[in-house]
All heavy atoms as atom14 arrays in JSON, in Angstrom:
{
  "sequence": "MVSIMLREVCSVKVVNPRVVTAIPCGLTEVEKRAAVNAVSSFGAR",
  "atom14_mask": [
    [1, 1, 1, 1, 1, 1, 1, 1, 0, 0, 0, 0, 0, 0],
    [1, 1, 1, 1, 1, 1, 1, 0, 0, 0, 0, 0, 0, 0],
    [1, 1, 1, 1, 1, 1, 0, 0, 0, 0, 0, 0, 0, 0],
    [1, 1, 1, 1, 1, 1, 1, 1, 0, 0, 0, 0, 0, 0],
    [1, 1, 1, 1, 1, 1, 1, 1, 0, 0, 0, 0, 0, 0],
    [1, 1, 1, 1, 1, 1, 1, 1, 0, 0, 0, 0, 0, 0],
    [1, 1, 1, 1, 1, 1, 1, 1, 1, 1, 1, 0, 0, 0],
    [1, 1, 1, 1, 1, 1, 1, 1, 1, 0, 0, 0, 0, 0],
    [1, 1, 1, 1, 1, 1, 1, 0, 0, 0, 0, 0, 0, 0],
    [1, 1, 1, 1, 1, 1, 0, 0, 0, 0, 0, 0, 0, 0],
    [1, 1, 1, 1, 1, 1, 0, 0, 0, 0, 0, 0, 0, 0],
    [1, 1, 1, 1, 1, 1, 1, 0, 0, 0, 0, 0, 0, 0],
    [1, 1, 1, 1, 1, 1, 1, 1, 1, 0, 0, 0, 0, 0],
    [1, 1, 1, 1, 1, 1, 1, 0, 0, 0, 0, 0, 0, 0],
    [1, 1, 1, 1, 1, 1, 1, 0, 0, 0, 0, 0, 0, 0],
    [1, 1, 1, 1, 1, 1, 1, 1, 0, 0, 0, 0, 0, 0],
    [1, 1, 1, 1, 1, 1, 1, 0, 0, 0, 0, 0, 0, 0],
    [1, 1, 1, 1, 1, 1, 1, 1, 1, 1, 1, 0, 0, 0],
    [1, 1, 1, 1, 1, 1, 1, 0, 0, 0, 0, 0, 0, 0],
    [1, 1, 1, 1, 1, 1, 1, 0, 0, 0, 0, 0, 0, 0],
    [1, 1, 1, 1, 1, 1, 1, 0, 0, 0, 0, 0, 0, 0],
    [1, 1, 1, 1, 1, 0, 0, 0, 0, 0, 0, 0, 0, 0],
    [1, 1, 1, 1, 1, 1, 1, 1, 0, 0, 0, 0, 0, 0],
    [1, 1, 1, 1, 1, 1, 1, 0, 0, 0, 0, 0, 0, 0],
    [1, 1, 1, 1, 1, 1, 0, 0, 0, 0, 0, 0, 0, 0],
    [1, 1, 1, 1, 0, 0, 0, 0, 0, 0, 0, 0, 0, 0],
    [1, 1, 1, 1, 1, 1, 1, 1, 0, 0, 0, 0, 0, 0],
    [1, 1, 1, 1, 1, 1, 1, 0, 0, 0, 0, 0, 0, 0],
    [1, 1, 1, 1, 1, 1, 1, 1, 1, 0, 0, 0, 0, 0],
    [1, 1, 1, 1, 1, 1, 1, 0, 0, 0, 0, 0, 0, 0],
    [1, 1, 1, 1, 1, 1, 1, 1, 1, 0, 0, 0, 0, 0],
    [1, 1, 1, 1, 1, 1, 1, 1, 1, 0, 0, 0, 0, 0],
    [1, 1, 1, 1, 1, 1, 1, 1, 1, 1, 1, 0, 0, 0],
    [1, 1, 1, 1, 1, 0, 0, 0, 0, 0, 0, 0, 0, 0],
    [1, 1, 1, 1, 1, 0, 0, 0, 0, 0, 0, 0, 0, 0],
    [1, 1, 1, 1, 1, 1, 1, 0, 0, 0, 0, 0, 0, 0],
    [1, 1, 1, 1, 1, 1, 1, 1, 0, 0, 0, 0, 0, 0],
    [1, 1, 1, 1, 1, 0, 0, 0, 0, 0, 0, 0, 0, 0],
    [1, 1, 1, 1, 1, 1, 1, 0, 0, 0, 0, 0, 0, 0],
    [1, 1, 1, 1, 1, 1, 0, 0, 0, 0, 0, 0, 0, 0],
    [1, 1, 1, 1, 1, 1, 0, 0, 0, 0, 0, 0, 0, 0],
    [1, 1, 1, 1, 1, 1, 1, 1, 1, 1, 1, 0, 0, 0],
    [1, 1, 1, 1, 0, 0, 0, 0, 0, 0, 0, 0, 0, 0],
    [1, 1, 1, 1, 1, 0, 0, 0, 0, 0, 0, 0, 0, 0],
    [1, 1, 1, 1, 1, 1, 1, 1, 1, 1, 1, 0, 0, 0]
  ],
  "atom14_positions": [
    [[0.83, -1.21, 0.0], [0.0, 0.0, 0.0], [0.86, 1.26, 0.0], [0.63, 2.2, -0.78], [-0.93, -0.01, 1.22], [-1.88, 1.17, 1.32], [-2.94, 1.06, 2.78], [-1.75, 1.46, 4.07], [0.0, 0.0, 0.0], [0.0, 0.0, 0.0], [0.0, 0.0, 0.0], [0.0, 0.0, 0.0], [0.0, 0.0, 0.0], [0.0, 0.0, 0.0]],
    [[1.87, 1.3, 0.87], [2.74, 2.47, 0.96], [3.5, 2.68, -0.35], [3.61, 3.8, -0.86], [3.72, 2.32, 2.14], [4.78, 3.41, 2.1], [2.97, 2.37, 3.46], [0.0, 0.0, 0.0], [0.0, 0.0, 0.0], [0.0, 0.0, 0.0], [0.0, 0.0, 0.0], [0.0, 0.0, 0.0], [0.0, 0.0, 0.0], [0.0, 0.0, 0.0]],
    [[4.03, 1.6, -0.92], [4.8, 1.71, -2.17], [3.94, 2.27, -3.3], [4.37, 3.15, -4.05], [5.35, 0.34, -2.57], [6.28, -0.13, -1.62], [0.0, 0.0, 0.0], [0.0, 0.0, 0.0], [0.0, 0.0, 0.0], [0.0, 0.0, 0.0], [0.0, 0.0, 0.0], [0.0, 0.0, 0.0], [0.0, 0.0, 0.0], [0.0, 0.0, 0.0]],
    [[2.7, 1.76, -3.41], [1.81, 2.22, -4.49], [1.44, 3.68, -4.29], [1.45, 4.49, -5.23], [0.55, 1.34, -4.55], [0.92, -0.08, -4.99], [-0.49, 1.94, -5.5], [-0.21, -1.08, -4.88], [0.0, 0.0, 0.0], [0.0, 0.0, 0.0], [0.0, 0.0, 0.0], [0.0, 0.0, 0.0], [0.0, 0.0, 0.0], [0.0, 0.0, 0.0]],
    [[1.12, 4.07, -3.05], [0.74, 5.45, -2.77], [1.88, 6.42, -3.06], [1.69, 7.49, -3.64], [0.28, 5.59, -1.32], [-1.09, 4.99, -1.03], [-1.57, 5.25, 0.69], [-3.27, 4.65, 0.66], [0.0, 0.0, 0.0], [0.0, 0.0, 0.0], [0.0, 0.0, 0.0], [0.0, 0.0, 0.0], [0.0, 0.0, 0.0], [0.0, 0.0, 0.0]],
    [[3.1, 6.05, -2.65], [4.23, 6.93, -2.86], [4.57, 7.07, -4.35], [4.98, 8.14, -4.8], [5.45, 6.44, -2.08], [5.41, 6.68, -0.57], [6.62, 6.07, 0.1], [5.33, 8.17, -0.25], [0.0, 0.0, 0.0], [0.0, 0.0, 0.0], [0.0, 0.0, 0.0], [0.0, 0.0, 0.0], [0.0, 0.0, 0.0], [0.0, 0.0, 0.0]],
    [[4.39, 6.0, -5.1], [4.63, 6.08, -6.54], [3.65, 7.04, -7.2], [3.97, 7.69, -8.2], [4.53, 4.69, -7.18], [5.77, 3.82, -6.97], [5.82, 2.68, -7.98], [4.72, 1.76, -7.78], [4.77, 0.67, -7.01], [5.89, 0.4, -6.35], [3.74, -0.13, -6.9], [0.0, 0.0, 0.0], [0.0, 0.0, 0.0], [0.0, 0.0, 0.0]],
    [[2.44, 7.13, -6.64], [1.43, 8.02, -7.22], [1.77, 9.5, -7.01], [1.5, 10.32, -7.89], [0.06, 7.73, -6.59], [-0.56, 6.4, -7.0], [-1.87, 6.13, -6.3], [-2.27, 6.97, -5.47], [-2.49, 5.1, -6.58], [0.0, 0.0, 0.0], [0.0, 0.0, 0.0], [0.0, 0.0, 0.0], [0.0, 0.0, 0.0], [0.0, 0.0, 0.0]],
    [[2.37, 9.83, -5.87], [2.59, 11.25, -5.56], [3.97, 11.74, -5.94], [4.22, 12.94, -5.95], [2.34, 11.53, -4.05], [0.91, 11.23, -3.68], [3.29, 10.73, -3.17], [0.0, 0.0, 0.0], [0.0, 0.0, 0.0], [0.0, 0.0, 0.0], [0.0, 0.0, 0.0], [0.0, 0.0, 0.0], [0.0, 0.0, 0.0], [0.0, 0.0, 0.0]],
    [[4.88, 10.84, -6.23], [6.23, 11.24, -6.62], [6.33, 11.24, -8.14], [6.29, 10.19, -8.78], [7.28, 10.3, -6.02], [7.34, 10.37, -4.23], [0.0, 0.0, 0.0], [0.0, 0.0, 0.0], [0.0, 0.0, 0.0], [0.0, 0.0, 0.0], [0.0, 0.0, 0.0], [0.0, 0.0, 0.0], [0.0, 0.0, 0.0], [0.0, 0.0, 0.0]],
    [[6.43, 12.44, -8.74], [6.47, 12.55, -10.2], [7.74, 11.93, -10.77], [7.76, 11.41, -11.86], [6.37, 14.02, -10.61], [7.38, 14.78, -9.98], [0.0, 0.0, 0.0], [0.0, 0.0, 0.0], [0.0, 0.0, 0.0], [0.0, 0.0, 0.0], [0.0, 0.0, 0.0], [0.0, 0.0, 0.0], [0.0, 0.0, 0.0], [0.0, 0.0, 0.0]],
    [[8.82, 12.01, -10.01], [10.06, 11.35, -10.41], [10.44, 10.38, -9.3], [10.03, 10.54, -8.15], [11.21, 12.37, -10.61], [10.89, 13.28, -11.78], [11.46, 13.17, -9.35], [0.0, 0.0, 0.0], [0.0, 0.0, 0.0], [0.0, 0.0, 0.0], [0.0, 0.0, 0.0], [0.0, 0.0, 0.0], [0.0, 0.0, 0.0], [0.0, 0.0, 0.0]],
    [[11.21, 9.37, -9.64], [11.58, 8.37, -8.64], [12.45, 9.0, -7.57], [13.45, 9.65, -7.86], [12.32, 7.2, -9.29], [12.68, 6.12, -8.28], [13.15, 4.87, -8.96], [13.56, 3.81, -7.96], [12.5, 3.46, -7.04], [0.0, 0.0, 0.0], [0.0, 0.0, 0.0], [0.0, 0.0, 0.0], [0.0, 0.0, 0.0], [0.0, 0.0, 0.0]],
    [[12.03, 8.83, -6.32], [12.8, 9.35, -5.2], [13.9, 8.35, -4.88], [13.64, 7.18, -4.61], [11.89, 9.57, -3.97], [12.7, 10.11, -2.82], [10.75, 10.51, -4.31], [0.0, 0.0, 0.0], [0.0, 0.0, 0.0], [0.0, 0.0, 0.0], [0.0, 0.0, 0.0], [0.0, 0.0, 0.0], [0.0, 0.0, 0.0], [0.0, 0.0, 0.0]],
    [[15.14, 8.8, -4.93], [16.28, 7.92, -4.7], [16.68, 7.96, -3.23], [17.1, 9.0, -2.73], [17.47, 8.31, -5.59], [18.63, 7.37, -5.34], [17.06, 8.29, -7.06], [0.0, 0.0, 0.0], [0.0, 0.0, 0.0], [0.0, 0.0, 0.0], [0.0, 0.0, 0.0], [0.0, 0.0, 0.0], [0.0, 0.0, 0.0], [0.0, 0.0, 0.0]],
    [[16.49, 6.86, -2.55], [16.88, 6.73, -1.15], [16.48, 7.92, -0.29], [17.32, 8.62, 0.27], [18.4, 6.53, -1.06], [18.84, 5.24, -1.72], [18.11, 4.26, -1.73], [20.04, 5.24, -2.27], [0.0, 0.0, 0.0], [0.0, 0.0, 0.0], [0.0, 0.0, 0.0], [0.0, 0.0, 0.0], [0.0, 0.0, 0.0], [0.0, 0.0, 0.0]],
    [[15.19, 8.19, -0.17], [14.77, 9.32, 0.67], [14.95, 9.01, 2.14], [15.02, 7.85, 2.55], [13.28, 9.46, 0.33], [12.85, 8.06, 0.01], [14.04, 7.44, -0.69], [0.0, 0.0, 0.0], [0.0, 0.0, 0.0], [0.0, 0.0, 0.0], [0.0, 0.0, 0.0], [0.0, 0.0, 0.0], [0.0, 0.0, 0.0], [0.0, 0.0, 0.0]],
    [[15.02, 10.04, 2.95], [14.97, 9.89, 4.4], [13.52, 10.14, 4.82], [12.89, 11.1, 4.35], [15.92, 10.86, 5.07], [17.39, 10.55, 4.8], [18.34, 11.49, 5.48], [18.18, 12.86, 5.0], [18.96, 13.88, 5.37], [19.95, 13.67, 6.23], [18.76, 15.09, 4.9], [0.0, 0.0, 0.0], [0.0, 0.0, 0.0], [0.0, 0.0, 0.0]],
    [[13.02, 9.29, 5.69], [11.6, 9.3, 6.02], [11.39, 9.52, 7.52], [12.05, 8.89, 8.35], [10.92, 7.98, 5.6], [9.44, 8.0, 5.95], [11.11, 7.73, 4.11], [0.0, 0.0, 0.0], [0.0, 0.0, 0.0], [0.0, 0.0, 0.0], [0.0, 0.0, 0.0], [0.0, 0.0, 0.0], [0.0, 0.0, 0.0], [0.0, 0.0, 0.0]],
    [[10.45, 10.42, 7.86], [10.01, 10.61, 9.23], [8.59, 10.06, 9.33], [7.73, 10.41, 8.52], [10.02, 12.1, 9.64], [9.41, 12.27, 11.04], [11.43, 12.65, 9.61], [0.0, 0.0, 0.0], [0.0, 0.0, 0.0], [0.0, 0.0, 0.0], [0.0, 0.0, 0.0], [0.0, 0.0, 0.0], [0.0, 0.0, 0.0], [0.0, 0.0, 0.0]],
    [[8.35, 9.17, 10.27], [7.01, 8.6, 10.42], [6.59, 8.58, 11.88], [7.41, 8.4, 12.78], [6.95, 7.17, 9.83], [5.6, 6.7, 9.86], [7.82, 6.2, 10.62], [0.0, 0.0, 0.0], [0.0, 0.0, 0.0], [0.0, 0.0, 0.0], [0.0, 0.0, 0.0], [0.0, 0.0, 0.0], [0.0, 0.0, 0.0], [0.0, 0.0, 0.0]],
    [[5.3, 8.8, 12.11], [4.76, 8.85, 13.48], [4.34, 7.47, 13.94], [3.84, 6.66, 13.16], [3.57, 9.8, 13.53], [0.0, 0.0, 0.0], [0.0, 0.0, 0.0], [0.0, 0.0, 0.0], [0.0, 0.0, 0.0], [0.0, 0.0, 0.0], [0.0, 0.0, 0.0], [0.0, 0.0, 0.0], [0.0, 0.0, 0.0], [0.0, 0.0, 0.0]],
    [[4.56, 7.2, 15.21], [4.15, 5.93, 15.82], [3.43, 6.22, 17.13], [3.7, 7.22, 17.79], [5.35, 5.0, 16.09], [6.37, 5.69, 17.01], [5.99, 4.55, 14.79], [7.44, 4.76, 17.53], [0.0, 0.0, 0.0], [0.0, 0.0, 0.0], [0.0, 0.0, 0.0], [0.0, 0.0, 0.0], [0.0, 0.0, 0.0], [0.0, 0.0, 0.0]],
    [[2.48, 5.36, 17.55], [1.83, 5.54, 18.85], [2.83, 5.38, 20.0], [3.91, 4.78, 19.84], [0.79, 4.41, 18.89], [0.58, 4.02, 17.46], [1.9, 4.25, 16.78], [0.0, 0.0, 0.0], [0.0, 0.0, 0.0], [0.0, 0.0, 0.0], [0.0, 0.0, 0.0], [0.0, 0.0, 0.0], [0.0, 0.0, 0.0], [0.0, 0.0, 0.0]],
    [[2.48, 5.89, 21.15], [3.34, 5.76, 22.33], [3.37, 4.31, 22.81], [2.39, 3.58, 22.66], [2.81, 6.63, 23.47], [2.83, 8.39, 23.12], [0.0, 0.0, 0.0], [0.0, 0.0, 0.0], [0.0, 0.0, 0.0], [0.0, 0.0, 0.0], [0.0, 0.0, 0.0], [0.0, 0.0, 0.0], [0.0, 0.0, 0.0], [0.0, 0.0, 0.0]],
    [[4.49, 3.93, 23.37], [4.58, 2.64, 24.05], [4.65, 1.42, 23.15], [4.33, 0.31, 23.6], [0.0, 0.0, 0.0], [0.0, 0.0, 0.0], [0.0, 0.0, 0.0], [0.0, 0.0, 0.0], [0.0, 0.0, 0.0], [0.0, 0.0, 0.0], [0.0, 0.0, 0.0], [0.0, 0.0, 0.0], [0.0, 0.0, 0.0], [0.0, 0.0, 0.0]],
    [[5.08, 1.58, 21.9], [5.21, 0.42, 21.03], [6.4, -0.42, 21.46], [7.4, 0.09, 21.94], [5.4, 0.86, 19.57], [4.22, 1.48, 18.83], [4.55, 1.58, 17.35], [2.94, 0.7, 19.03], [0.0, 0.0, 0.0], [0.0, 0.0, 0.0], [0.0, 0.0, 0.0], [0.0, 0.0, 0.0], [0.0, 0.0, 0.0], [0.0, 0.0, 0.0]],
    [[6.29, -1.72, 21.24], [7.41, -2.62, 21.49], [8.44, -2.47, 20.36], [8.14, -1.89, 19.3], [6.95, -4.07, 21.56], [6.44, -4.47, 20.27], [5.85, -4.25, 22.61], [0.0, 0.0, 0.0], [0.0, 0.0, 0.0], [0.0, 0.0, 0.0], [0.0, 0.0, 0.0], [0.0, 0.0, 0.0], [0.0, 0.0, 0.0], [0.0, 0.0, 0.0]],
    [[9.63, -3.01, 20.57], [10.66, -2.93, 19.54], [10.22, -3.66, 18.27], [10.55, -3.23, 17.16], [11.97, -3.53, 20.08], [13.18, -3.23, 19.22], [13.46, -1.74, 19.1], [13.24, -1.0, 20.07], [13.91, -1.33, 18.0], [0.0, 0.0, 0.0], [0.0, 0.0, 0.0], [0.0, 0.0, 0.0], [0.0, 0.0, 0.0], [0.0, 0.0, 0.0]],
    [[9.48, -4.74, 18.43], [8.98, -5.49, 17.27], [8.01, -4.65, 16.47], [8.04, -4.61, 15.22], [8.32, -6.81, 17.72], [7.64, -7.5, 16.53], [9.35, -7.73, 18.35], [0.0, 0.0, 0.0], [0.0, 0.0, 0.0], [0.0, 0.0, 0.0], [0.0, 0.0, 0.0], [0.0, 0.0, 0.0], [0.0, 0.0, 0.0], [0.0, 0.0, 0.0]],
    [[7.1, -3.95, 17.16], [6.12, -3.11, 16.48], [6.8, -1.93, 15.79], [6.4, -1.52, 14.69], [5.07, -2.63, 17.48], [4.14, -3.74, 17.96], [3.28, -3.32, 19.13], [3.7, -2.43, 19.91], [2.19, -3.9, 19.3], [0.0, 0.0, 0.0], [0.0, 0.0, 0.0], [0.0, 0.0, 0.0], [0.0, 0.0, 0.0], [0.0, 0.0, 0.0]],
    [[7.84, -1.37, 16.43], [8.59, -0.29, 15.8], [9.27, -0.77, 14.52], [9.25, -0.11, 13.49], [9.64, 0.27, 16.76], [9.08, 1.06, 17.93], [10.2, 1.54, 18.84], [9.66, 2.3, 20.04], [10.73, 2.73, 20.96], [0.0, 0.0, 0.0], [0.0, 0.0, 0.0], [0.0, 0.0, 0.0], [0.0, 0.0, 0.0], [0.0, 0.0, 0.0]],
    [[9.87, -1.96, 14.6], [10.57, -2.51, 13.45], [9.6, -2.78, 12.3], [9.94, -2.58, 11.13], [11.29, -3.79, 13.86], [12.01, -4.51, 12.74], [13.05, -3.64, 12.05], [14.15, -3.3, 12.92], [15.19, -2.58, 12.53], [15.23, -2.1, 11.28], [16.16, -2.28, 13.37], [0.0, 0.0, 0.0], [0.0, 0.0, 0.0], [0.0, 0.0, 0.0]],
    [[8.38, -3.21, 12.62], [7.37, -3.45, 11.58], [7.02, -2.15, 10.87], [6.86, -2.12, 9.64], [6.13, -4.08, 12.2], [0.0, 0.0, 0.0], [0.0, 0.0, 0.0], [0.0, 0.0, 0.0], [0.0, 0.0, 0.0], [0.0, 0.0, 0.0], [0.0, 0.0, 0.0], [0.0, 0.0, 0.0], [0.0, 0.0, 0.0], [0.0, 0.0, 0.0]],
    [[6.9, -1.05, 11.64], [6.61, 0.25, 11.05], [7.75, 0.7, 10.15], [7.54, 1.23, 9.05], [6.35, 1.28, 12.15], [0.0, 0.0, 0.0], [0.0, 0.0, 0.0], [0.0, 0.0, 0.0], [0.0, 0.0, 0.0], [0.0, 0.0, 0.0], [0.0, 0.0, 0.0], [0.0, 0.0, 0.0], [0.0, 0.0, 0.0], [0.0, 0.0, 0.0]],
    [[8.98, 0.49, 10.61], [10.15, 0.87, 9.82], [10.2, 0.09, 8.51], [10.42, 0.65, 7.43], [11.45, 0.64, 10.63], [12.67, 0.79, 9.74], [11.52, 1.61, 11.79], [0.0, 0.0, 0.0], [0.0, 0.0, 0.0], [0.0, 0.0, 0.0], [0.0, 0.0, 0.0], [0.0, 0.0, 0.0], [0.0, 0.0, 0.0], [0.0, 0.0, 0.0]],
    [[9.96, -1.21, 8.57], [9.99, -2.05, 7.37], [8.92, -1.63, 6.36], [9.14, -1.66, 5.15], [9.8, -3.52, 7.74], [10.99, -4.1, 8.49], [12.08, -3.55, 8.44], [10.77, -5.19, 9.2], [0.0, 0.0, 0.0], [0.0, 0.0, 0.0], [0.0, 0.0, 0.0], [0.0, 0.0, 0.0], [0.0, 0.0, 0.0], [0.0, 0.0, 0.0]],
    [[7.76, -1.22, 6.89], [6.66, -0.84, 6.01], [6.99, 0.42, 5.21], [6.8, 0.46, 3.99], [5.39, -0.62, 6.82], [0.0, 0.0, 0.0], [0.0, 0.0, 0.0], [0.0, 0.0, 0.0], [0.0, 0.0, 0.0], [0.0, 0.0, 0.0], [0.0, 0.0, 0.0], [0.0, 0.0, 0.0], [0.0, 0.0, 0.0], [0.0, 0.0, 0.0]],
    [[7.52, 1.44, 5.88], [7.77, 2.71, 5.19], [9.08, 2.67, 4.41], [9.29, 3.5, 3.51], [7.76, 3.9, 6.16], [6.42, 4.03, 6.84], [8.86, 3.78, 7.21], [0.0, 0.0, 0.0], [0.0, 0.0, 0.0], [0.0, 0.0, 0.0], [0.0, 0.0, 0.0], [0.0, 0.0, 0.0], [0.0, 0.0, 0.0], [0.0, 0.0, 0.0]],
    [[9.97, 1.75, 4.73], [11.23, 1.67, 4.0], [11.13, 0.8, 2.75], [12.09, 0.69, 1.99], [12.34, 1.12, 4.91], [12.04, -0.2, 5.33], [0.0, 0.0, 0.0], [0.0, 0.0, 0.0], [0.0, 0.0, 0.0], [0.0, 0.0, 0.0], [0.0, 0.0, 0.0], [0.0, 0.0, 0.0], [0.0, 0.0, 0.0], [0.0, 0.0, 0.0]],
    [[9.95, 0.21, 2.52], [9.77, -0.65, 1.34], [9.91, 0.13, 0.05], [10.12, -0.44, -1.02], [8.39, -1.33, 1.4], [7.35, -0.36, 1.42], [0.0, 0.0, 0.0], [0.0, 0.0, 0.0], [0.0, 0.0, 0.0], [0.0, 0.0, 0.0], [0.0, 0.0, 0.0], [0.0, 0.0, 0.0], [0.0, 0.0, 0.0], [0.0, 0.0, 0.0]],
    [[9.77, 1.46, 0.14], [9.89, 2.31, -1.04], [11.36, 2.6, -1.36], [11.67, 3.24, -2.35], [9.12, 3.61, -0.81], [8.97, 4.48, -2.02], [8.27, 4.03, -3.12], [9.54, 5.75, -2.07], [8.12, 4.84, -4.25], [9.4, 6.55, -3.19], [8.69, 6.1, -4.28], [0.0, 0.0, 0.0], [0.0, 0.0, 0.0], [0.0, 0.0, 0.0]],
    [[12.26, 2.12, -0.52], [13.68, 2.34, -0.74], [14.25, 3.46, 0.09], [15.15, 4.18, -0.36], [0.0, 0.0, 0.0], [0.0, 0.0, 0.0], [0.0, 0.0, 0.0], [0.0, 0.0, 0.0], [0.0, 0.0, 0.0], [0.0, 0.0, 0.0], [0.0, 0.0, 0.0], [0.0, 0.0, 0.0], [0.0, 0.0, 0.0], [0.0, 0.0, 0.0]],
    [[13.77, 3.6, 1.32], [14.25, 4.68, 2.19], [15.68, 4.44, 2.64], [16.07, 3.31, 2.94], [13.34, 4.82, 3.41], [0.0, 0.0, 0.0], [0.0, 0.0, 0.0], [0.0, 0.0, 0.0], [0.0, 0.0, 0.0], [0.0, 0.0, 0.0], [0.0, 0.0, 0.0], [0.0, 0.0, 0.0], [0.0, 0.0, 0.0], [0.0, 0.0, 0.0]],
    [[16.45, 5.53, 2.69], [17.82, 5.43, 3.18], [17.85, 5.28, 4.69], [18.59, 4.48, 5.23], [18.6, 6.68, 2.74], [20.05, 6.69, 3.18], [20.86, 7.71, 2.4], [20.69, 9.06, 2.87], [20.11, 10.03, 2.17], [19.61, 9.79, 0.98], [20.01, 11.25, 2.65], [0.0, 0.0, 0.0], [0.0, 0.0, 0.0], [0.0, 0.0, 0.0]]
  ]
}
């Protein structure tokens, strides 16, 4: 879902972008890692 949405809004391919993403308070390390993997699927640096 994230990859498809980002491809729609980026007119040119973003090369290794840096990404800031919000997470709820009190997440476990596993839940944080899942969030990181999801948003980095687009090729985040």
